[in-house]
N, C-alpha and C. Protein backbone atom coordinates (compact mmCIF):
# COMPACT_ATOMS: atom_id res chain seq x y z
N MET A 1 105.10 131.49 78.09
CA MET A 1 105.31 130.30 78.91
C MET A 1 104.18 129.32 78.68
N MET A 2 104.48 128.04 78.71
CA MET A 2 103.45 127.03 78.50
C MET A 2 102.83 126.68 79.85
N SER A 3 101.50 126.49 79.86
CA SER A 3 100.83 126.20 81.12
C SER A 3 100.92 124.73 81.50
N SER A 4 101.15 123.87 80.54
CA SER A 4 101.28 122.44 80.89
C SER A 4 102.71 121.99 80.62
N LEU A 5 103.15 121.02 81.42
CA LEU A 5 104.51 120.53 81.29
C LEU A 5 104.63 119.65 80.06
N GLN A 6 105.81 119.66 79.46
CA GLN A 6 106.05 118.78 78.34
C GLN A 6 107.09 117.76 78.76
N SER A 7 106.97 116.55 78.22
CA SER A 7 107.96 115.52 78.49
C SER A 7 108.27 114.82 77.19
N VAL A 8 109.44 114.22 77.19
CA VAL A 8 109.87 113.49 76.00
C VAL A 8 109.79 112.01 76.34
N GLY A 9 108.99 111.29 75.59
CA GLY A 9 108.80 109.86 75.82
C GLY A 9 109.98 109.07 75.29
N SER A 10 109.95 107.74 75.52
CA SER A 10 111.04 106.89 75.05
C SER A 10 111.10 106.86 73.54
N SER A 11 110.02 107.23 72.86
CA SER A 11 110.03 107.25 71.40
C SER A 11 110.64 108.55 70.87
N GLY A 12 110.92 109.51 71.76
CA GLY A 12 111.48 110.78 71.34
C GLY A 12 110.40 111.80 71.04
N ARG A 13 109.17 111.43 71.15
CA ARG A 13 108.04 112.31 70.85
C ARG A 13 107.75 113.19 72.07
N THR A 14 107.49 114.43 71.83
CA THR A 14 107.16 115.36 72.90
C THR A 14 105.66 115.28 73.16
N SER A 15 105.31 115.17 74.43
CA SER A 15 103.88 115.12 74.76
C SER A 15 103.66 115.96 76.01
N THR A 16 102.47 116.45 76.16
CA THR A 16 102.14 117.25 77.33
C THR A 16 101.69 116.32 78.45
N SER A 17 101.65 116.85 79.67
CA SER A 17 101.19 116.03 80.79
C SER A 17 99.73 115.68 80.60
N ASP A 18 98.97 116.53 79.89
CA ASP A 18 97.56 116.21 79.61
C ASP A 18 97.49 114.96 78.75
N ASP A 19 98.39 114.85 77.74
CA ASP A 19 98.42 113.65 76.89
C ASP A 19 98.75 112.42 77.74
N ASN A 20 99.72 112.57 78.65
CA ASN A 20 100.09 111.44 79.51
C ASN A 20 98.92 111.03 80.38
N ASN A 21 98.21 112.00 80.93
CA ASN A 21 97.03 111.69 81.76
C ASN A 21 95.99 110.96 80.93
N ASN A 22 95.76 111.44 79.70
CA ASN A 22 94.77 110.77 78.84
C ASN A 22 95.21 109.35 78.53
N ASN A 23 96.52 109.16 78.25
CA ASN A 23 97.02 107.81 77.99
C ASN A 23 96.85 106.92 79.21
N ASN A 24 97.18 107.45 80.39
CA ASN A 24 97.02 106.68 81.63
C ASN A 24 95.55 106.34 81.85
N ASN A 25 94.67 107.31 81.60
CA ASN A 25 93.24 107.06 81.75
C ASN A 25 92.78 106.00 80.76
N ASN A 26 93.28 106.09 79.50
CA ASN A 26 92.91 105.08 78.50
C ASN A 26 93.38 103.70 78.94
N ILE A 27 94.61 103.63 79.46
CA ILE A 27 95.15 102.35 79.93
C ILE A 27 94.30 101.84 81.10
N ASN A 28 93.98 102.71 82.05
CA ASN A 28 93.14 102.32 83.18
C ASN A 28 91.77 101.87 82.69
N ASP A 29 91.18 102.62 81.76
CA ASP A 29 89.87 102.25 81.22
C ASP A 29 89.93 100.91 80.51
N GLU A 30 90.98 100.70 79.73
CA GLU A 30 91.13 99.43 79.02
C GLU A 30 91.33 98.29 80.02
N ASP A 31 92.13 98.54 81.05
CA ASP A 31 92.37 97.52 82.07
C ASP A 31 91.07 97.20 82.81
N GLN A 32 90.32 98.22 83.15
CA GLN A 32 89.05 98.00 83.83
C GLN A 32 88.09 97.27 82.92
N GLU A 33 88.06 97.61 81.65
CA GLU A 33 87.17 96.95 80.69
C GLU A 33 87.55 95.47 80.55
N MET A 34 88.88 95.21 80.47
CA MET A 34 89.32 93.82 80.37
C MET A 34 88.95 93.05 81.63
N THR A 35 89.10 93.69 82.79
CA THR A 35 88.74 93.06 84.04
C THR A 35 87.24 92.77 84.08
N LYS A 36 86.43 93.75 83.64
CA LYS A 36 84.98 93.55 83.61
C LYS A 36 84.61 92.41 82.67
N LEU A 37 85.26 92.36 81.50
CA LEU A 37 84.97 91.29 80.55
C LEU A 37 85.36 89.93 81.13
N ALA A 38 86.52 89.89 81.79
CA ALA A 38 86.97 88.63 82.39
C ALA A 38 86.01 88.19 83.49
N LEU A 39 85.56 89.14 84.31
CA LEU A 39 84.61 88.81 85.37
C LEU A 39 83.28 88.36 84.79
N ALA A 40 82.81 89.05 83.76
CA ALA A 40 81.54 88.67 83.12
C ALA A 40 81.66 87.28 82.53
N SER A 41 82.77 86.99 81.89
CA SER A 41 82.99 85.66 81.30
C SER A 41 83.03 84.61 82.40
N PHE A 42 83.75 84.90 83.47
CA PHE A 42 83.83 83.96 84.59
C PHE A 42 82.46 83.72 85.19
N GLN A 43 81.67 84.79 85.39
CA GLN A 43 80.34 84.64 85.97
C GLN A 43 79.45 83.82 85.05
N ALA A 44 79.54 84.04 83.76
CA ALA A 44 78.73 83.27 82.81
C ALA A 44 79.11 81.79 82.90
N ARG A 45 80.42 81.49 82.95
CA ARG A 45 80.85 80.10 83.07
C ARG A 45 80.40 79.51 84.40
N GLU A 46 80.49 80.31 85.44
CA GLU A 46 80.07 79.84 86.76
C GLU A 46 78.58 79.51 86.76
N GLU A 47 77.78 80.38 86.15
CA GLU A 47 76.34 80.13 86.06
C GLU A 47 76.06 78.90 85.21
N GLN A 48 76.78 78.73 84.15
CA GLN A 48 76.59 77.56 83.29
C GLN A 48 76.93 76.28 84.05
N ILE A 49 78.01 76.30 84.79
CA ILE A 49 78.41 75.14 85.60
C ILE A 49 77.34 74.85 86.64
N GLU A 50 76.83 75.90 87.29
CA GLU A 50 75.81 75.73 88.31
C GLU A 50 74.53 75.14 87.72
N ARG A 51 74.13 75.63 86.52
CA ARG A 51 72.94 75.09 85.86
C ARG A 51 73.15 73.62 85.53
N LYS A 52 74.32 73.29 84.99
CA LYS A 52 74.61 71.90 84.63
C LYS A 52 74.63 71.03 85.87
N LYS A 53 75.20 71.53 86.94
CA LYS A 53 75.27 70.81 88.20
C LYS A 53 73.85 70.50 88.69
N MET A 54 72.97 71.50 88.67
CA MET A 54 71.59 71.31 89.10
C MET A 54 70.87 70.32 88.20
N GLU A 55 71.12 70.39 86.92
CA GLU A 55 70.51 69.46 85.96
C GLU A 55 70.93 68.03 86.27
N VAL A 56 72.23 67.82 86.50
CA VAL A 56 72.73 66.48 86.80
C VAL A 56 72.16 66.00 88.13
N LYS A 57 72.14 66.87 89.14
CA LYS A 57 71.57 66.49 90.44
C LYS A 57 70.11 66.09 90.29
N GLY A 58 69.36 66.87 89.49
CA GLY A 58 67.95 66.54 89.27
C GLY A 58 67.79 65.18 88.62
N LYS A 59 68.61 64.91 87.62
CA LYS A 59 68.54 63.60 86.96
C LYS A 59 68.89 62.48 87.92
N VAL A 60 69.93 62.68 88.73
CA VAL A 60 70.34 61.66 89.69
C VAL A 60 69.22 61.41 90.69
N GLU A 61 68.63 62.47 91.23
CA GLU A 61 67.54 62.31 92.20
C GLU A 61 66.35 61.62 91.56
N SER A 62 66.03 61.99 90.34
CA SER A 62 64.92 61.37 89.63
C SER A 62 65.18 59.88 89.44
N GLN A 63 66.38 59.54 89.00
CA GLN A 63 66.70 58.12 88.80
C GLN A 63 66.74 57.36 90.12
N LEU A 64 67.23 58.00 91.17
CA LEU A 64 67.22 57.35 92.48
C LEU A 64 65.80 57.04 92.93
N THR A 65 64.91 58.00 92.77
CA THR A 65 63.51 57.82 93.15
C THR A 65 62.89 56.68 92.35
N ARG A 66 63.12 56.71 91.04
CA ARG A 66 62.57 55.64 90.20
C ARG A 66 63.15 54.29 90.59
N ALA A 67 64.44 54.26 90.87
CA ALA A 67 65.08 52.99 91.25
C ALA A 67 64.51 52.47 92.56
N GLU A 68 64.30 53.37 93.53
CA GLU A 68 63.73 52.95 94.81
C GLU A 68 62.31 52.43 94.63
N GLU A 69 61.52 53.15 93.84
CA GLU A 69 60.15 52.70 93.58
C GLU A 69 60.16 51.34 92.88
N GLU A 70 61.03 51.22 91.91
CA GLU A 70 61.14 49.96 91.17
C GLU A 70 61.59 48.84 92.09
N THR A 71 62.51 49.11 92.99
CA THR A 71 62.98 48.11 93.93
C THR A 71 61.84 47.65 94.85
N ARG A 72 61.07 48.61 95.37
CA ARG A 72 59.93 48.26 96.24
C ARG A 72 58.92 47.40 95.46
N ARG A 73 58.64 47.80 94.24
CA ARG A 73 57.69 47.06 93.42
C ARG A 73 58.20 45.64 93.17
N LEU A 74 59.50 45.54 92.87
CA LEU A 74 60.06 44.22 92.62
C LEU A 74 60.08 43.35 93.88
N VAL A 75 60.29 43.95 95.03
CA VAL A 75 60.25 43.18 96.28
C VAL A 75 58.85 42.59 96.48
N ARG A 76 57.82 43.42 96.22
CA ARG A 76 56.44 42.92 96.33
C ARG A 76 56.20 41.77 95.36
N VAL A 77 56.65 41.98 94.13
CA VAL A 77 56.48 40.93 93.12
C VAL A 77 57.22 39.67 93.55
N TRP A 78 58.41 39.85 94.05
CA TRP A 78 59.21 38.70 94.49
C TRP A 78 58.49 37.93 95.59
N GLU A 79 57.94 38.66 96.55
CA GLU A 79 57.23 38.01 97.65
C GLU A 79 56.03 37.22 97.13
N GLU A 80 55.31 37.80 96.19
CA GLU A 80 54.18 37.09 95.59
C GLU A 80 54.65 35.86 94.83
N LEU A 81 55.76 35.98 94.15
CA LEU A 81 56.30 34.85 93.41
C LEU A 81 56.76 33.72 94.34
N GLU A 82 57.28 34.09 95.49
CA GLU A 82 57.73 33.08 96.44
C GLU A 82 56.57 32.23 96.93
N VAL A 83 55.40 32.89 97.08
CA VAL A 83 54.22 32.16 97.51
C VAL A 83 53.78 31.20 96.40
N LEU A 84 53.84 31.65 95.19
CA LEU A 84 53.46 30.81 94.06
C LEU A 84 54.60 29.89 93.68
N THR A 85 54.35 29.17 92.67
CA THR A 85 55.46 28.41 92.12
C THR A 85 56.36 29.41 91.41
N ASP A 86 57.47 29.01 90.91
CA ASP A 86 58.48 29.93 90.40
C ASP A 86 58.53 29.98 88.88
N PRO A 87 57.40 30.22 88.17
CA PRO A 87 57.45 30.23 86.72
C PRO A 87 58.14 31.48 86.15
N MET A 88 58.25 32.56 86.93
CA MET A 88 58.78 33.82 86.42
C MET A 88 60.19 34.13 86.94
N ARG A 89 60.88 33.16 87.41
CA ARG A 89 62.20 33.35 88.01
C ARG A 89 63.16 34.05 87.06
N LYS A 90 63.19 33.64 85.82
CA LYS A 90 64.12 34.24 84.87
C LYS A 90 63.84 35.72 84.66
N GLU A 91 62.56 36.06 84.49
CA GLU A 91 62.20 37.47 84.27
C GLU A 91 62.57 38.34 85.47
N VAL A 92 62.28 37.83 86.67
CA VAL A 92 62.60 38.59 87.89
C VAL A 92 64.11 38.77 88.00
N ALA A 93 64.85 37.75 87.73
CA ALA A 93 66.31 37.85 87.81
C ALA A 93 66.82 38.87 86.80
N MET A 94 66.21 38.86 85.60
CA MET A 94 66.63 39.82 84.59
C MET A 94 66.33 41.26 85.03
N VAL A 95 65.16 41.47 85.60
CA VAL A 95 64.81 42.82 86.07
C VAL A 95 65.74 43.25 87.20
N ARG A 96 66.03 42.33 88.09
CA ARG A 96 66.96 42.67 89.18
C ARG A 96 68.34 43.05 88.63
N LYS A 97 68.79 42.33 87.64
CA LYS A 97 70.07 42.67 87.02
C LYS A 97 70.01 44.07 86.42
N LYS A 98 68.90 44.39 85.78
CA LYS A 98 68.74 45.74 85.20
C LYS A 98 68.78 46.80 86.29
N ILE A 99 68.14 46.51 87.41
CA ILE A 99 68.16 47.46 88.54
C ILE A 99 69.58 47.64 89.04
N ASP A 100 70.32 46.55 89.14
CA ASP A 100 71.71 46.65 89.58
C ASP A 100 72.53 47.50 88.61
N VAL A 101 72.29 47.32 87.31
CA VAL A 101 73.00 48.13 86.31
C VAL A 101 72.65 49.60 86.50
N ILE A 102 71.37 49.89 86.68
CA ILE A 102 70.93 51.28 86.86
C ILE A 102 71.53 51.86 88.14
N ASN A 103 71.57 51.06 89.19
CA ASN A 103 72.18 51.55 90.44
C ASN A 103 73.65 51.89 90.25
N ARG A 104 74.36 51.07 89.46
CA ARG A 104 75.77 51.39 89.18
C ARG A 104 75.87 52.69 88.37
N GLU A 105 74.96 52.87 87.42
CA GLU A 105 74.96 54.10 86.62
C GLU A 105 74.68 55.32 87.50
N ILE A 106 73.76 55.16 88.43
CA ILE A 106 73.44 56.26 89.35
C ILE A 106 74.67 56.59 90.20
N LYS A 107 75.35 55.57 90.67
CA LYS A 107 76.57 55.79 91.46
C LYS A 107 77.60 56.54 90.63
N SER A 108 77.76 56.12 89.37
CA SER A 108 78.71 56.77 88.47
C SER A 108 78.34 58.24 88.26
N LEU A 109 77.05 58.50 88.08
CA LEU A 109 76.60 59.90 87.90
C LEU A 109 76.89 60.73 89.15
N GLY A 110 76.67 60.15 90.31
CA GLY A 110 76.96 60.86 91.56
C GLY A 110 78.43 61.20 91.67
N GLN A 111 79.28 60.23 91.30
CA GLN A 111 80.73 60.48 91.34
C GLN A 111 81.12 61.55 90.34
N SER A 112 80.51 61.52 89.18
CA SER A 112 80.78 62.53 88.15
C SER A 112 80.40 63.92 88.66
N CYS A 113 79.27 63.99 89.31
CA CYS A 113 78.81 65.27 89.88
C CYS A 113 79.82 65.78 90.91
N GLN A 114 80.28 64.91 91.77
CA GLN A 114 81.27 65.32 92.78
C GLN A 114 82.57 65.76 92.13
N LYS A 115 82.98 65.06 91.08
CA LYS A 115 84.20 65.42 90.37
C LYS A 115 84.08 66.81 89.75
N LYS A 116 82.92 67.09 89.15
CA LYS A 116 82.72 68.40 88.53
C LYS A 116 82.67 69.51 89.58
N GLU A 117 82.11 69.23 90.74
CA GLU A 117 82.12 70.22 91.81
C GLU A 117 83.55 70.50 92.25
N LYS A 118 84.36 69.46 92.35
CA LYS A 118 85.77 69.64 92.74
C LYS A 118 86.51 70.45 91.69
N GLU A 119 86.29 70.13 90.40
CA GLU A 119 86.92 70.88 89.32
C GLU A 119 86.52 72.35 89.37
N TYR A 120 85.25 72.59 89.64
CA TYR A 120 84.76 73.97 89.74
C TYR A 120 85.50 74.72 90.85
N ARG A 121 85.62 74.09 92.00
CA ARG A 121 86.33 74.75 93.11
C ARG A 121 87.78 75.03 92.76
N GLU A 122 88.43 74.07 92.07
CA GLU A 122 89.82 74.26 91.67
C GLU A 122 89.97 75.39 90.66
N VAL A 123 89.07 75.46 89.71
CA VAL A 123 89.12 76.53 88.70
C VAL A 123 88.87 77.87 89.36
N LEU A 124 87.92 77.93 90.27
CA LEU A 124 87.64 79.18 90.98
C LEU A 124 88.87 79.62 91.78
N GLU A 125 89.53 78.69 92.45
CA GLU A 125 90.73 79.03 93.21
C GLU A 125 91.83 79.54 92.29
N ALA A 126 92.03 78.89 91.15
CA ALA A 126 93.05 79.31 90.19
C ALA A 126 92.73 80.70 89.66
N PHE A 127 91.46 80.95 89.38
CA PHE A 127 91.05 82.27 88.90
C PHE A 127 91.38 83.34 89.94
N ASN A 128 91.04 83.08 91.18
CA ASN A 128 91.30 84.06 92.24
C ASN A 128 92.80 84.30 92.41
N GLU A 129 93.61 83.25 92.30
CA GLU A 129 95.05 83.43 92.41
C GLU A 129 95.58 84.29 91.26
N LYS A 130 95.14 84.02 90.06
CA LYS A 130 95.59 84.80 88.90
C LYS A 130 95.13 86.25 89.01
N ASN A 131 93.93 86.46 89.51
CA ASN A 131 93.42 87.81 89.67
C ASN A 131 94.27 88.57 90.70
N ASN A 132 94.63 87.90 91.78
CA ASN A 132 95.50 88.53 92.79
C ASN A 132 96.87 88.85 92.20
N GLU A 133 97.40 87.92 91.43
CA GLU A 133 98.69 88.14 90.77
C GLU A 133 98.62 89.33 89.82
N LYS A 134 97.54 89.43 89.08
CA LYS A 134 97.36 90.56 88.16
C LYS A 134 97.32 91.88 88.93
N THR A 135 96.61 91.88 90.05
CA THR A 135 96.52 93.09 90.87
C THR A 135 97.90 93.50 91.36
N GLN A 136 98.68 92.55 91.82
CA GLN A 136 100.04 92.85 92.29
C GLN A 136 100.92 93.37 91.16
N LEU A 137 100.82 92.76 90.00
CA LEU A 137 101.62 93.20 88.86
C LEU A 137 101.19 94.60 88.41
N THR A 138 99.90 94.87 88.45
CA THR A 138 99.40 96.19 88.07
C THR A 138 99.97 97.25 89.02
N SER A 139 99.98 96.94 90.31
CA SER A 139 100.54 97.88 91.30
C SER A 139 102.03 98.12 91.04
N THR A 140 102.75 97.04 90.74
CA THR A 140 104.18 97.16 90.43
C THR A 140 104.39 98.03 89.20
N LEU A 141 103.57 97.81 88.18
CA LEU A 141 103.66 98.59 86.95
C LEU A 141 103.44 100.07 87.23
N VAL A 142 102.44 100.39 88.02
CA VAL A 142 102.15 101.79 88.34
C VAL A 142 103.34 102.42 89.07
N GLU A 143 103.93 101.68 90.01
CA GLU A 143 105.09 102.19 90.73
C GLU A 143 106.27 102.43 89.80
N LEU A 144 106.50 101.49 88.89
CA LEU A 144 107.61 101.63 87.96
C LEU A 144 107.41 102.82 87.02
N VAL A 145 106.19 103.01 86.54
CA VAL A 145 105.90 104.13 85.64
C VAL A 145 106.11 105.45 86.38
N LYS A 146 105.64 105.53 87.61
CA LYS A 146 105.82 106.76 88.39
C LYS A 146 107.31 107.05 88.61
N LYS A 147 108.07 106.00 88.95
CA LYS A 147 109.50 106.17 89.19
C LYS A 147 110.20 106.62 87.90
N SER A 148 109.84 106.04 86.79
CA SER A 148 110.42 106.40 85.50
C SER A 148 110.13 107.86 85.16
N GLU A 149 108.89 108.26 85.35
CA GLU A 149 108.52 109.65 85.06
C GLU A 149 109.30 110.62 85.96
N LYS A 150 109.44 110.25 87.21
CA LYS A 150 110.17 111.10 88.15
C LYS A 150 111.63 111.25 87.72
N LEU A 151 112.24 110.12 87.34
CA LEU A 151 113.63 110.15 86.91
C LEU A 151 113.79 110.99 85.63
N ARG A 152 112.88 110.82 84.68
CA ARG A 152 112.96 111.58 83.43
C ARG A 152 112.76 113.08 83.68
N MET A 153 111.81 113.41 84.57
CA MET A 153 111.58 114.82 84.87
C MET A 153 112.82 115.43 85.54
N GLY A 154 113.43 114.66 86.44
CA GLY A 154 114.65 115.15 87.10
C GLY A 154 115.75 115.38 86.08
N LYS A 155 115.90 114.46 85.15
CA LYS A 155 116.93 114.60 84.11
C LYS A 155 116.64 115.80 83.21
N LEU A 156 115.34 116.01 82.88
CA LEU A 156 114.97 117.16 82.05
C LEU A 156 115.25 118.48 82.77
N GLU A 157 114.99 118.51 84.06
CA GLU A 157 115.27 119.72 84.81
C GLU A 157 116.78 119.98 84.86
N GLU A 158 117.55 118.92 85.03
CA GLU A 158 118.99 119.02 85.03
C GLU A 158 119.50 119.58 83.69
N LEU A 159 118.95 119.03 82.59
CA LEU A 159 119.35 119.50 81.27
C LEU A 159 118.93 120.96 81.04
N SER A 160 117.76 121.32 81.55
CA SER A 160 117.32 122.72 81.43
C SER A 160 118.27 123.66 82.16
N LYS A 161 118.73 123.24 83.33
CA LYS A 161 119.66 124.09 84.10
C LYS A 161 120.99 124.22 83.37
N VAL A 162 121.41 123.16 82.70
CA VAL A 162 122.66 123.20 81.94
C VAL A 162 122.51 124.18 80.78
N LEU A 163 121.35 124.16 80.12
CA LEU A 163 121.15 125.07 78.99
C LEU A 163 120.93 126.52 79.44
N ASN A 164 120.26 126.69 80.54
CA ASN A 164 119.98 128.02 81.07
C ASN A 164 120.55 128.13 82.49
N PRO A 165 121.83 128.36 82.63
CA PRO A 165 122.45 128.35 83.95
C PRO A 165 121.97 129.51 84.82
N LYS A 166 121.40 130.58 84.23
CA LYS A 166 120.96 131.74 85.00
C LYS A 166 119.61 131.51 85.69
N SER A 167 118.85 130.58 85.23
CA SER A 167 117.49 130.35 85.76
C SER A 167 117.51 129.82 87.14
């Protein structure tokens, strides 16, 4: 008598329950490995996004500080110019225009930062939804495989009884 059960797969190949367990373990190991790789990849992307976000925030803050300092300096210069005659009017106007341009660029950078934060949240939400969907599908697959094995074992037992009616 054999100590382990044998089953016939859909390919017609006979395998022992130990082989099936090893295959299931391999599938589980592969699934876990793929999940670990996906999580590692996601974490790496998340860290990269966070680093980039911090870099952009730092640049924005730096430019804001410089712009504020420059604005204060220009206000002082302007006040001194008002007391004097106005020989430097063109230069002051040009500098003010440059400050306005920089302020618009700073605003644009701030909006870009907010947009990237929103994209990050959307990608994270999509990832979590797909991960949940994968988990549900994996559970369904396990149930279907168990049901299939049960049906095949029942059919094999039925066929065994037909071949050996005395048993």
